[in-house]
Amino acid sequence: MDKEFTQEKIIKEYYMNNAGKSVCHKDSVPWLMKEYKKRTNKVFADPDRGIRKLSQQGFLIKEGKGVYKYDSEYIKHRELEDFSPETKKAIFERDGYKCVICGKGKKEGVEIHADHIKPKDLGGLF
């Protein structure tokens, strides 16, 4: 039993061992739960949440609903910086301070956010 083994470590280990492969939750979750139990004698209650968290942090690439991939080159070159205040202002001005999807803005009680064409947590780079 490995007391220093964490849920995050086992998720990273799994995806690094399957580097470059698009892995569906139905393939990763059973292994993660079984292996975590074997190594720690504890239940891994929500591996999906851990996988999503690593994707949001830029460790995994989300390729679709429940499908993630690890790519070491992507991790090395990933920029997790937000837009500069100047860039955000230009985006908001360009879009009339309204959501480009629903057309609503502050008047309608909607807080708008600047994001990439493909959101960063979905693997977007720009």
N, C-alpha and C. Protein backbone atom coordinates (compact mmCIF):
# COMPACT_ATOMS: atom_id res chain seq x y z
N MET A 1 0.85 -1.18 0.00
CA MET A 1 0.00 0.00 0.00
C MET A 1 0.90 1.25 0.00
N ASP A 2 0.65 2.19 -0.91
CA ASP A 2 1.45 3.40 -1.07
C ASP A 2 0.69 4.60 -0.48
N LYS A 3 1.12 5.06 0.70
CA LYS A 3 0.41 6.14 1.39
C LYS A 3 0.64 7.51 0.75
N GLU A 4 1.71 7.67 -0.03
CA GLU A 4 2.02 8.94 -0.67
C GLU A 4 1.38 9.07 -2.04
N PHE A 5 0.68 8.06 -2.45
CA PHE A 5 0.08 8.06 -3.77
C PHE A 5 -1.22 8.85 -3.76
N THR A 6 -1.35 9.84 -4.64
CA THR A 6 -2.55 10.66 -4.68
C THR A 6 -3.39 10.34 -5.91
N GLN A 7 -4.63 10.81 -5.89
CA GLN A 7 -5.51 10.62 -7.02
C GLN A 7 -4.95 11.34 -8.25
N GLU A 8 -4.44 12.53 -8.06
CA GLU A 8 -3.86 13.27 -9.19
C GLU A 8 -2.69 12.52 -9.80
N LYS A 9 -1.85 11.95 -8.95
CA LYS A 9 -0.68 11.21 -9.46
C LYS A 9 -1.09 10.01 -10.32
N ILE A 10 -2.13 9.31 -9.90
CA ILE A 10 -2.51 8.12 -10.67
C ILE A 10 -3.15 8.53 -12.00
N ILE A 11 -3.88 9.63 -12.02
CA ILE A 11 -4.45 10.11 -13.29
C ILE A 11 -3.33 10.51 -14.23
N LYS A 12 -2.36 11.26 -13.72
CA LYS A 12 -1.23 11.67 -14.56
C LYS A 12 -0.47 10.45 -15.08
N GLU A 13 -0.23 9.49 -14.20
CA GLU A 13 0.48 8.27 -14.60
C GLU A 13 -0.27 7.57 -15.74
N TYR A 14 -1.57 7.42 -15.60
CA TYR A 14 -2.36 6.73 -16.62
C TYR A 14 -2.25 7.43 -17.97
N TYR A 15 -2.47 8.75 -17.98
CA TYR A 15 -2.45 9.46 -19.26
C TYR A 15 -1.05 9.56 -19.84
N MET A 16 -0.03 9.66 -19.01
CA MET A 16 1.34 9.70 -19.52
C MET A 16 1.70 8.33 -20.12
N ASN A 17 1.21 7.26 -19.52
CA ASN A 17 1.45 5.92 -20.07
C ASN A 17 0.68 5.69 -21.36
N ASN A 18 -0.32 6.52 -21.61
CA ASN A 18 -1.11 6.44 -22.84
C ASN A 18 -0.94 7.71 -23.67
N ALA A 19 0.25 8.29 -23.60
CA ALA A 19 0.54 9.56 -24.28
C ALA A 19 0.20 9.48 -25.76
N GLY A 20 -0.44 10.56 -26.24
CA GLY A 20 -0.77 10.66 -27.65
C GLY A 20 -2.06 9.96 -28.03
N LYS A 21 -2.64 9.19 -27.12
CA LYS A 21 -3.88 8.46 -27.41
C LYS A 21 -5.09 9.24 -26.89
N SER A 22 -6.14 9.25 -27.66
CA SER A 22 -7.41 9.81 -27.21
C SER A 22 -8.08 8.75 -26.35
N VAL A 23 -8.29 9.07 -25.07
CA VAL A 23 -8.82 8.07 -24.13
C VAL A 23 -10.19 8.51 -23.62
N CYS A 24 -11.14 7.63 -23.77
CA CYS A 24 -12.51 7.86 -23.32
C CYS A 24 -12.62 7.50 -21.83
N HIS A 25 -13.50 8.20 -21.12
CA HIS A 25 -13.72 7.92 -19.69
C HIS A 25 -14.01 6.45 -19.43
N LYS A 26 -14.77 5.82 -20.30
CA LYS A 26 -15.14 4.41 -20.06
C LYS A 26 -13.92 3.50 -20.05
N ASP A 27 -12.82 3.98 -20.63
CA ASP A 27 -11.59 3.20 -20.63
C ASP A 27 -10.68 3.56 -19.46
N SER A 28 -10.63 4.83 -19.09
CA SER A 28 -9.71 5.27 -18.04
C SER A 28 -10.26 5.09 -16.63
N VAL A 29 -11.53 5.41 -16.43
CA VAL A 29 -12.10 5.42 -15.07
C VAL A 29 -12.04 4.06 -14.38
N PRO A 30 -12.42 2.95 -15.02
CA PRO A 30 -12.33 1.66 -14.32
C PRO A 30 -10.90 1.32 -13.88
N TRP A 31 -9.93 1.59 -14.75
CA TRP A 31 -8.54 1.32 -14.40
C TRP A 31 -8.12 2.19 -13.22
N LEU A 32 -8.44 3.50 -13.28
CA LEU A 32 -8.08 4.42 -12.21
C LEU A 32 -8.66 3.97 -10.87
N MET A 33 -9.92 3.60 -10.87
CA MET A 33 -10.57 3.19 -9.62
C MET A 33 -9.94 1.90 -9.06
N LYS A 34 -9.71 0.94 -9.93
CA LYS A 34 -9.14 -0.35 -9.51
C LYS A 34 -7.70 -0.16 -9.00
N GLU A 35 -6.91 0.56 -9.76
CA GLU A 35 -5.50 0.75 -9.40
C GLU A 35 -5.35 1.58 -8.13
N TYR A 36 -6.17 2.61 -7.97
CA TYR A 36 -6.11 3.45 -6.77
C TYR A 36 -6.46 2.61 -5.54
N LYS A 37 -7.50 1.78 -5.65
CA LYS A 37 -7.90 0.90 -4.54
C LYS A 37 -6.78 -0.07 -4.20
N LYS A 38 -6.15 -0.61 -5.24
CA LYS A 38 -5.06 -1.58 -5.04
C LYS A 38 -3.87 -0.94 -4.32
N ARG A 39 -3.54 0.29 -4.70
CA ARG A 39 -2.35 0.94 -4.14
C ARG A 39 -2.58 1.62 -2.80
N THR A 40 -3.80 2.06 -2.54
CA THR A 40 -4.05 2.84 -1.32
C THR A 40 -5.06 2.20 -0.38
N ASN A 41 -5.78 1.20 -0.86
CA ASN A 41 -6.87 0.57 -0.12
C ASN A 41 -8.00 1.56 0.18
N LYS A 42 -8.12 2.59 -0.68
CA LYS A 42 -9.17 3.59 -0.55
C LYS A 42 -9.97 3.63 -1.84
N VAL A 43 -11.17 4.18 -1.76
CA VAL A 43 -12.04 4.29 -2.93
C VAL A 43 -11.77 5.63 -3.62
N PHE A 44 -11.60 5.59 -4.92
CA PHE A 44 -11.45 6.79 -5.74
C PHE A 44 -12.87 7.17 -6.15
N ALA A 45 -13.48 8.08 -5.41
CA ALA A 45 -14.90 8.36 -5.57
C ALA A 45 -15.27 9.09 -6.86
N ASP A 46 -14.45 10.00 -7.34
CA ASP A 46 -14.83 10.81 -8.51
C ASP A 46 -13.65 11.08 -9.43
N PRO A 47 -13.17 10.05 -10.14
CA PRO A 47 -12.05 10.26 -11.05
C PRO A 47 -12.37 11.24 -12.17
N ASP A 48 -13.64 11.32 -12.57
CA ASP A 48 -14.04 12.26 -13.64
C ASP A 48 -13.67 13.69 -13.27
N ARG A 49 -13.92 14.05 -12.04
CA ARG A 49 -13.61 15.41 -11.57
C ARG A 49 -12.11 15.67 -11.64
N GLY A 50 -11.31 14.69 -11.23
CA GLY A 50 -9.86 14.85 -11.29
C GLY A 50 -9.35 15.00 -12.72
N ILE A 51 -9.94 14.25 -13.63
CA ILE A 51 -9.55 14.34 -15.04
C ILE A 51 -9.90 15.72 -15.59
N ARG A 52 -11.12 16.19 -15.30
CA ARG A 52 -11.53 17.53 -15.76
C ARG A 52 -10.62 18.61 -15.20
N LYS A 53 -10.25 18.48 -13.93
CA LYS A 53 -9.38 19.47 -13.29
C LYS A 53 -8.03 19.53 -14.00
N LEU A 54 -7.46 18.38 -14.31
CA LEU A 54 -6.17 18.36 -15.01
C LEU A 54 -6.29 18.94 -16.41
N SER A 55 -7.44 18.78 -17.03
CA SER A 55 -7.67 19.40 -18.33
C SER A 55 -7.74 20.91 -18.20
N GLN A 56 -8.46 21.38 -17.21
CA GLN A 56 -8.59 22.83 -16.99
C GLN A 56 -7.25 23.47 -16.63
N GLN A 57 -6.39 22.71 -15.99
CA GLN A 57 -5.06 23.21 -15.63
C GLN A 57 -4.08 23.14 -16.80
N GLY A 58 -4.49 22.50 -17.89
CA GLY A 58 -3.63 22.43 -19.06
C GLY A 58 -2.76 21.20 -19.14
N PHE A 59 -2.98 20.22 -18.26
CA PHE A 59 -2.19 18.99 -18.32
C PHE A 59 -2.73 18.03 -19.37
N LEU A 60 -4.05 17.99 -19.53
CA LEU A 60 -4.68 17.13 -20.52
C LEU A 60 -5.40 17.97 -21.56
N ILE A 61 -5.53 17.43 -22.74
CA ILE A 61 -6.26 18.09 -23.82
C ILE A 61 -7.65 17.44 -23.88
N LYS A 62 -8.68 18.25 -23.78
CA LYS A 62 -10.04 17.72 -23.93
C LYS A 62 -10.36 17.70 -25.41
N GLU A 63 -10.61 16.51 -25.94
CA GLU A 63 -10.89 16.37 -27.37
C GLU A 63 -12.37 16.28 -27.67
N GLY A 64 -13.15 16.00 -26.68
CA GLY A 64 -14.60 15.88 -26.83
C GLY A 64 -15.17 15.49 -25.50
N LYS A 65 -16.48 15.29 -25.45
CA LYS A 65 -17.12 14.94 -24.20
C LYS A 65 -16.57 13.61 -23.68
N GLY A 66 -15.89 13.68 -22.53
CA GLY A 66 -15.34 12.48 -21.91
C GLY A 66 -14.13 11.88 -22.61
N VAL A 67 -13.50 12.64 -23.50
CA VAL A 67 -12.32 12.14 -24.23
C VAL A 67 -11.17 13.10 -24.01
N TYR A 68 -10.08 12.58 -23.44
CA TYR A 68 -8.92 13.40 -23.11
C TYR A 68 -7.65 12.75 -23.63
N LYS A 69 -6.62 13.59 -23.80
CA LYS A 69 -5.34 13.11 -24.32
C LYS A 69 -4.21 13.86 -23.62
N TYR A 70 -3.12 13.15 -23.40
CA TYR A 70 -1.90 13.77 -22.88
C TYR A 70 -0.90 13.87 -24.02
N ASP A 71 -0.30 15.05 -24.18
CA ASP A 71 0.72 15.29 -25.21
C ASP A 71 1.79 16.16 -24.57
N SER A 72 2.96 15.61 -24.34
CA SER A 72 4.02 16.35 -23.64
C SER A 72 4.43 17.62 -24.38
N GLU A 73 4.38 17.61 -25.70
CA GLU A 73 4.73 18.81 -26.47
C GLU A 73 3.70 19.92 -26.26
N TYR A 74 2.44 19.54 -26.18
CA TYR A 74 1.37 20.51 -25.92
C TYR A 74 1.57 21.14 -24.56
N ILE A 75 1.93 20.34 -23.57
CA ILE A 75 2.13 20.83 -22.21
C ILE A 75 3.30 21.82 -22.19
N LYS A 76 4.39 21.50 -22.88
CA LYS A 76 5.57 22.38 -22.88
C LYS A 76 5.28 23.73 -23.52
N HIS A 77 4.42 23.75 -24.53
CA HIS A 77 4.18 24.98 -25.27
C HIS A 77 2.87 25.68 -24.91
N ARG A 78 2.18 25.16 -23.95
CA ARG A 78 0.87 25.72 -23.57
C ARG A 78 1.05 27.04 -22.82
N GLU A 79 0.34 28.04 -23.27
CA GLU A 79 0.33 29.33 -22.61
C GLU A 79 -0.97 29.43 -21.82
N LEU A 80 -0.87 29.53 -20.51
CA LEU A 80 -2.07 29.62 -19.69
C LEU A 80 -2.36 31.05 -19.27
N GLU A 81 -1.71 32.00 -19.90
CA GLU A 81 -1.94 33.41 -19.57
C GLU A 81 -3.30 33.85 -20.07
N ASP A 82 -3.93 34.72 -19.30
CA ASP A 82 -5.16 35.33 -19.76
C ASP A 82 -4.83 36.44 -20.73
N PHE A 83 -5.86 36.93 -21.40
CA PHE A 83 -5.67 38.09 -22.26
C PHE A 83 -5.22 39.27 -21.41
N SER A 84 -4.43 40.14 -21.99
CA SER A 84 -4.05 41.37 -21.28
C SER A 84 -5.29 42.24 -21.13
N PRO A 85 -5.28 43.17 -20.17
CA PRO A 85 -6.43 44.08 -20.02
C PRO A 85 -6.73 44.85 -21.31
N GLU A 86 -5.70 45.22 -22.04
CA GLU A 86 -5.90 45.96 -23.29
C GLU A 86 -6.60 45.09 -24.34
N THR A 87 -6.17 43.83 -24.43
CA THR A 87 -6.77 42.92 -25.39
C THR A 87 -8.23 42.65 -25.03
N LYS A 88 -8.50 42.42 -23.73
CA LYS A 88 -9.88 42.20 -23.30
C LYS A 88 -10.76 43.39 -23.67
N LYS A 89 -10.26 44.58 -23.40
CA LYS A 89 -11.03 45.80 -23.71
C LYS A 89 -11.34 45.86 -25.21
N ALA A 90 -10.35 45.56 -26.03
CA ALA A 90 -10.55 45.59 -27.48
C ALA A 90 -11.59 44.55 -27.92
N ILE A 91 -11.54 43.37 -27.31
CA ILE A 91 -12.51 42.32 -27.64
C ILE A 91 -13.92 42.77 -27.25
N PHE A 92 -14.06 43.29 -26.02
CA PHE A 92 -15.38 43.73 -25.56
C PHE A 92 -15.91 44.86 -26.43
N GLU A 93 -15.05 45.81 -26.80
CA GLU A 93 -15.49 46.91 -27.66
C GLU A 93 -15.92 46.38 -29.03
N ARG A 94 -15.12 45.49 -29.57
CA ARG A 94 -15.44 44.90 -30.88
C ARG A 94 -16.82 44.24 -30.87
N ASP A 95 -17.13 43.57 -29.75
CA ASP A 95 -18.38 42.82 -29.65
C ASP A 95 -19.51 43.62 -29.01
N GLY A 96 -19.31 44.91 -28.82
CA GLY A 96 -20.36 45.75 -28.26
C GLY A 96 -20.71 45.41 -26.82
N TYR A 97 -19.75 44.89 -26.07
CA TYR A 97 -19.95 44.51 -24.67
C TYR A 97 -21.12 43.55 -24.50
N LYS A 98 -21.27 42.65 -25.47
CA LYS A 98 -22.33 41.64 -25.43
C LYS A 98 -21.74 40.28 -25.76
N CYS A 99 -22.42 39.25 -25.29
CA CYS A 99 -22.03 37.88 -25.58
C CYS A 99 -22.21 37.62 -27.08
N VAL A 100 -21.20 37.06 -27.71
CA VAL A 100 -21.29 36.79 -29.14
C VAL A 100 -22.18 35.59 -29.44
N ILE A 101 -22.53 34.82 -28.42
CA ILE A 101 -23.38 33.65 -28.63
C ILE A 101 -24.86 34.01 -28.44
N CYS A 102 -25.17 34.64 -27.29
CA CYS A 102 -26.59 34.90 -26.99
C CYS A 102 -27.00 36.35 -27.25
N GLY A 103 -26.01 37.25 -27.42
CA GLY A 103 -26.32 38.65 -27.70
C GLY A 103 -26.68 39.47 -26.48
N LYS A 104 -26.60 38.89 -25.29
CA LYS A 104 -26.95 39.61 -24.06
C LYS A 104 -25.71 40.23 -23.44
N GLY A 105 -25.95 41.25 -22.63
CA GLY A 105 -24.86 41.93 -21.94
C GLY A 105 -25.27 42.36 -20.55
N LYS A 106 -24.58 43.37 -20.04
CA LYS A 106 -24.81 43.85 -18.68
C LYS A 106 -26.26 44.26 -18.44
N LYS A 107 -26.89 44.92 -19.43
CA LYS A 107 -28.29 45.35 -19.29
C LYS A 107 -29.21 44.18 -18.96
N GLU A 108 -28.89 43.02 -19.52
CA GLU A 108 -29.70 41.82 -19.30
C GLU A 108 -29.21 41.00 -18.11
N GLY A 109 -28.24 41.53 -17.39
CA GLY A 109 -27.72 40.83 -16.22
C GLY A 109 -26.71 39.75 -16.52
N VAL A 110 -26.10 39.80 -17.70
CA VAL A 110 -25.13 38.79 -18.10
C VAL A 110 -23.72 39.35 -18.00
N GLU A 111 -22.88 38.65 -17.25
CA GLU A 111 -21.47 39.04 -17.16
C GLU A 111 -20.73 38.39 -18.32
N ILE A 112 -20.04 39.19 -19.11
CA ILE A 112 -19.35 38.64 -20.27
C ILE A 112 -17.89 38.35 -19.93
N HIS A 113 -17.31 37.42 -20.66
CA HIS A 113 -15.92 37.02 -20.48
C HIS A 113 -15.26 36.93 -21.84
N ALA A 114 -13.98 37.27 -21.88
CA ALA A 114 -13.20 37.10 -23.11
C ALA A 114 -12.59 35.70 -23.08
N ASP A 115 -12.71 35.00 -24.17
CA ASP A 115 -12.12 33.67 -24.26
C ASP A 115 -11.56 33.48 -25.65
N HIS A 116 -10.82 32.44 -25.81
CA HIS A 116 -10.24 32.12 -27.11
C HIS A 116 -11.33 31.57 -28.03
N ILE A 117 -11.06 31.56 -29.34
CA ILE A 117 -12.02 31.01 -30.29
C ILE A 117 -12.40 29.60 -29.85
N LYS A 118 -11.40 28.81 -29.51
CA LYS A 118 -11.63 27.52 -28.87
C LYS A 118 -11.11 27.70 -27.45
N PRO A 119 -11.98 27.62 -26.43
CA PRO A 119 -11.54 27.87 -25.06
C PRO A 119 -10.29 27.09 -24.69
N LYS A 120 -9.44 27.71 -23.87
CA LYS A 120 -8.20 27.07 -23.45
C LYS A 120 -8.44 25.74 -22.78
N ASP A 121 -9.50 25.64 -21.94
CA ASP A 121 -9.71 24.37 -21.26
C ASP A 121 -10.27 23.29 -22.18
N LEU A 122 -10.54 23.65 -23.44
CA LEU A 122 -10.92 22.66 -24.44
C LEU A 122 -9.80 22.44 -25.44
N GLY A 123 -8.59 22.92 -25.09
CA GLY A 123 -7.43 22.67 -25.94
C GLY A 123 -7.08 23.82 -26.87
N GLY A 124 -7.79 24.95 -26.77
CA GLY A 124 -7.52 26.09 -27.63
C GLY A 124 -6.17 26.71 -27.35
N LEU A 125 -5.56 27.23 -28.38
CA LEU A 125 -4.24 27.86 -28.24
C LEU A 125 -4.30 29.35 -28.43
N PHE A 126 -5.27 29.87 -29.16
CA PHE A 126 -5.33 31.29 -29.45
C PHE A 126 -6.68 31.86 -29.10
